[in-house]
Protein backbone atom coordinates (compact mmCIF):
# COMPACT_ATOMS: atom_id res chain seq x y z
CA MET A 1 5.01 -16.33 -0.56
CA PRO A 2 6.80 -19.47 -0.87
CA ALA A 3 10.44 -19.34 -0.72
CA GLY A 4 12.41 -22.38 -0.63
CA SER A 5 12.38 -24.24 2.84
CA GLY A 6 9.66 -22.04 4.10
CA PHE A 7 7.41 -18.77 3.43
CA LEU A 8 8.21 -15.17 3.11
CA TYR A 9 5.51 -12.85 4.57
CA LEU A 10 5.09 -9.56 3.21
CA ALA A 11 3.14 -6.58 5.08
CA VAL A 12 2.32 -3.42 3.30
CA VAL A 13 1.04 0.16 4.19
CA VAL A 14 -0.70 1.32 0.74
CA ASP A 15 -1.59 5.11 0.25
CA ALA A 16 -5.21 5.56 -0.53
CA PHE A 17 -4.57 8.61 -2.57
CA SER A 18 -1.98 7.22 -4.91
CA ARG A 19 -2.16 3.66 -4.59
CA LYS A 20 1.70 3.99 -3.51
CA VAL A 21 3.24 1.34 -1.12
CA VAL A 22 4.61 3.87 1.57
CA GLY A 23 5.71 1.04 4.32
CA TRP A 24 6.41 -2.61 3.41
CA ALA A 25 8.06 -5.30 5.51
CA MET A 26 9.29 -8.71 5.10
CA GLU A 27 9.37 -11.58 7.78
CA GLY A 28 9.70 -15.65 7.85
CA HIS A 29 6.75 -15.52 10.44
CA LEU A 30 3.31 -13.45 10.85
CA ARG A 31 3.91 -11.68 14.59
CA ALA A 32 2.97 -8.32 15.36
CA GLU A 33 6.58 -6.55 14.52
CA LEU A 34 5.77 -7.68 10.79
CA VAL A 35 2.97 -5.01 10.39
CA VAL A 36 4.76 -2.69 12.79
CA GLY A 37 7.76 -2.86 10.44
CA ALA A 38 5.67 -1.88 7.74
CA LEU A 39 4.08 1.00 9.52
CA ASN A 40 7.41 2.51 10.94
CA MET A 41 8.40 2.44 7.14
CA ALA A 42 5.54 4.51 6.37
CA LEU A 43 5.88 6.73 9.28
CA TRP A 44 9.23 7.56 8.31
CA GLN A 45 8.51 8.45 4.74
CA ARG A 46 5.33 10.36 5.06
CA ARG A 47 5.08 11.62 8.57
CA PRO A 48 1.43 11.94 8.50
CA THR A 49 -0.86 13.62 11.13
CA GLY A 50 -4.28 12.63 11.48
CA VAL A 51 -4.37 9.60 9.14
CA ILE A 52 -6.54 6.31 9.18
CA HIS A 53 -5.02 2.96 8.87
CA HIS A 54 -7.39 0.67 7.84
CA SER A 55 -6.57 -3.21 7.82
CA ASP A 56 -8.28 -6.79 8.16
CA GLN A 57 -8.75 -8.41 11.40
CA GLY A 58 -5.62 -10.35 11.53
CA SER A 59 -3.98 -10.93 14.87
CA GLN A 60 -1.14 -8.67 14.17
CA TYR A 61 -3.40 -6.15 13.62
CA THR A 62 -5.24 -6.68 16.95
CA SER A 63 -2.13 -7.03 18.85
CA VAL A 64 -1.27 -4.43 21.61
CA ALA A 65 1.95 -3.62 19.86
CA PHE A 66 0.56 -2.84 16.84
CA GLY A 67 -2.04 -0.61 18.60
CA LYS A 68 0.57 1.06 20.59
CA ARG A 69 2.54 1.79 18.01
CA CYS A 70 -0.36 3.54 15.98
CA ARG A 71 -1.50 5.27 19.39
CA GLU A 72 2.07 6.88 19.84
CA ALA A 73 2.22 7.98 16.31
CA GLY A 74 -1.18 9.42 16.26
CA ILE A 75 -3.11 7.19 13.90
CA ARG A 76 -6.54 5.95 14.17
CA PRO A 77 -6.93 2.05 13.40
CA SER A 78 -9.58 1.15 11.35
CA MET A 79 -10.92 -2.68 11.11
CA GLY A 80 -13.25 -4.32 8.72
CA SER A 81 -15.86 -6.84 9.69
CA VAL A 82 -14.60 -10.51 9.95
CA GLY A 83 -14.69 -12.36 6.42
CA ASP A 84 -14.99 -9.11 4.40
CA CYS A 85 -12.24 -8.07 2.07
CA TYR A 86 -14.19 -5.46 0.24
CA ASP A 87 -13.66 -2.93 2.82
CA ASN A 88 -10.13 -3.89 2.58
CA ALA A 89 -9.92 -3.87 -1.35
CA LEU A 90 -6.95 -1.70 -1.84
CA CYS A 91 -4.46 -3.86 -0.57
CA GLU A 92 -6.43 -7.19 -1.68
CA SER A 93 -6.06 -5.71 -5.27
CA PHE A 94 -2.29 -5.06 -4.56
CA PHE A 95 -1.52 -8.60 -3.56
CA GLY A 96 -3.64 -9.87 -6.52
CA THR A 97 -1.76 -7.80 -8.71
CA LEU A 98 1.70 -8.91 -6.87
CA GLU A 99 0.68 -12.45 -7.30
CA CYS A 100 0.00 -12.40 -11.25
CA GLU A 101 2.67 -10.24 -12.09
CA LEU A 102 5.65 -11.55 -9.90
CA LEU A 103 4.76 -14.76 -7.70
CA ASP A 104 3.26 -16.86 -10.82
CA ARG A 105 5.93 -16.12 -12.64
CA VAL A 106 9.18 -16.76 -10.57
CA THR A 107 10.40 -19.82 -8.16
CA LEU A 108 12.25 -18.34 -5.32
CA ARG A 109 14.80 -20.72 -3.63
CA ASN A 110 15.05 -18.88 -0.27
CA HIS A 111 14.48 -15.82 1.75
CA ALA A 112 17.15 -13.74 0.19
CA GLU A 113 15.56 -14.29 -3.50
CA GLY A 114 12.31 -13.39 -2.07
CA ARG A 115 13.62 -10.41 -0.75
CA ARG A 116 15.17 -8.94 -3.73
CA ALA A 117 12.38 -9.80 -6.01
CA LEU A 118 9.54 -8.02 -3.95
CA PHE A 119 12.18 -5.31 -3.21
CA GLY A 120 12.38 -4.79 -7.07
CA TYR A 121 8.79 -5.32 -7.73
CA ILE A 122 7.39 -2.68 -5.27
CA GLU A 123 10.28 -0.07 -5.61
CA GLY A 124 11.43 -0.64 -9.00
CA TRP A 125 8.21 -1.54 -10.71
CA TYR A 126 4.90 -0.74 -9.24
CA ASN A 127 5.55 2.63 -7.37
CA LEU A 128 7.13 4.17 -10.25
CA HIS A 129 5.57 2.52 -13.55
CA ARG A 130 2.40 0.35 -12.53
CA ARG A 131 -0.34 2.36 -14.25
CA HIS A 132 -3.86 2.46 -12.51
CA SER A 133 -7.16 3.09 -13.78
CA ALA A 134 -8.08 4.81 -10.80
CA LEU A 135 -5.19 7.32 -11.21
CA GLY A 136 -5.77 7.96 -15.01
CA TYR A 137 -3.86 5.24 -15.85
CA GLU A 138 -0.64 6.82 -14.14
CA SER A 139 2.09 5.43 -11.96
CA PRO A 140 1.88 6.09 -8.09
CA VAL A 141 4.92 8.32 -7.99
CA GLY A 142 3.85 10.19 -11.38
CA TYR A 143 0.26 10.82 -10.01
CA GLU A 144 1.77 11.98 -6.52
CA ARG A 145 4.28 14.44 -8.77
CA ARG A 146 1.60 15.60 -10.77
CA TYR A 147 -0.94 16.51 -7.54
CA GLN A 148 2.62 18.22 -6.28
CA SER A 149 3.08 20.26 -9.09
CA ARG A 150 -0.48 21.22 -9.38
CA GLU A 151 -0.61 21.77 -5.71
CA GLY A 152 1.81 24.31 -6.00
CA SER A 153 -0.14 26.72 -8.07
CA GLY A 154 -1.99 27.84 -5.18
CA ASN A 155 -5.54 25.95 -5.77
CA GLU A 156 -5.51 22.94 -3.69
CA VAL A 157 -9.13 22.13 -4.31
CA GLU A 158 -9.16 22.64 -7.85
CA ALA A 159 -5.67 20.33 -8.06
CA LYS A 160 -7.40 17.47 -6.24
CA ARG A 161 -10.65 18.09 -8.11
CA GLU A 162 -8.79 17.82 -11.41
CA LEU A 163 -6.23 14.82 -10.36
CA ALA A 164 -9.97 13.15 -9.42
CA GLY A 165 -11.83 13.71 -12.83
CA VAL A 166 -14.44 15.68 -11.35
CA GLY A 167 -15.57 18.11 -14.07
CA ALA A 168 -12.84 17.06 -16.18
CA GLY A 169 -14.49 14.67 -18.38
CA ALA A 170 -12.75 11.46 -16.50
CA ASP A 171 -14.48 8.31 -17.22
CA GLY A 172 -15.32 7.41 -13.47
CA ASP A 173 -13.37 4.28 -13.72
CA ARG A 174 -12.21 3.66 -10.23
CA GLU A 175 -9.99 1.00 -9.01
CA SER A 176 -10.37 -0.80 -5.24
CA GLN A 177 -7.92 -0.81 -2.30
CA ARG A 178 -7.09 -3.02 0.39
């Protein structure tokens, strides 16, 4: 994103289940530490096991540093084919939404303003309040809370089926991912 005298780059890790941005990092460069920082935040927040990290084939994601961090965390990296945006649609959708809802509406004078604006958007709006058709028009945080309350009922399979709209009469509308 343009921010005064240079660009501020944002890397995100989006949870495919809830569309929540669970990791993000901002830098004035596109080196590997940008994506490793976003991954580290996601690992700190979620402490996942047996997960797959899907990305495009950008040099940051094919770097030795990113591959090493994935191995250390027990994450299986996955990459789409060159030039194919559809297999990484969740993040493409997030960045398209970010552009429409924030970046097209503000002029950022410097990186500090950009960092504040992105933090406010991700943590103050997108995760907490932004509704998604794929989540039954709930926010990522609301969707996760609803899942956790149903999961506590003892029937995890039924909770996932209900949230997914299987047998519950949902309209079947599903949103993409990156």
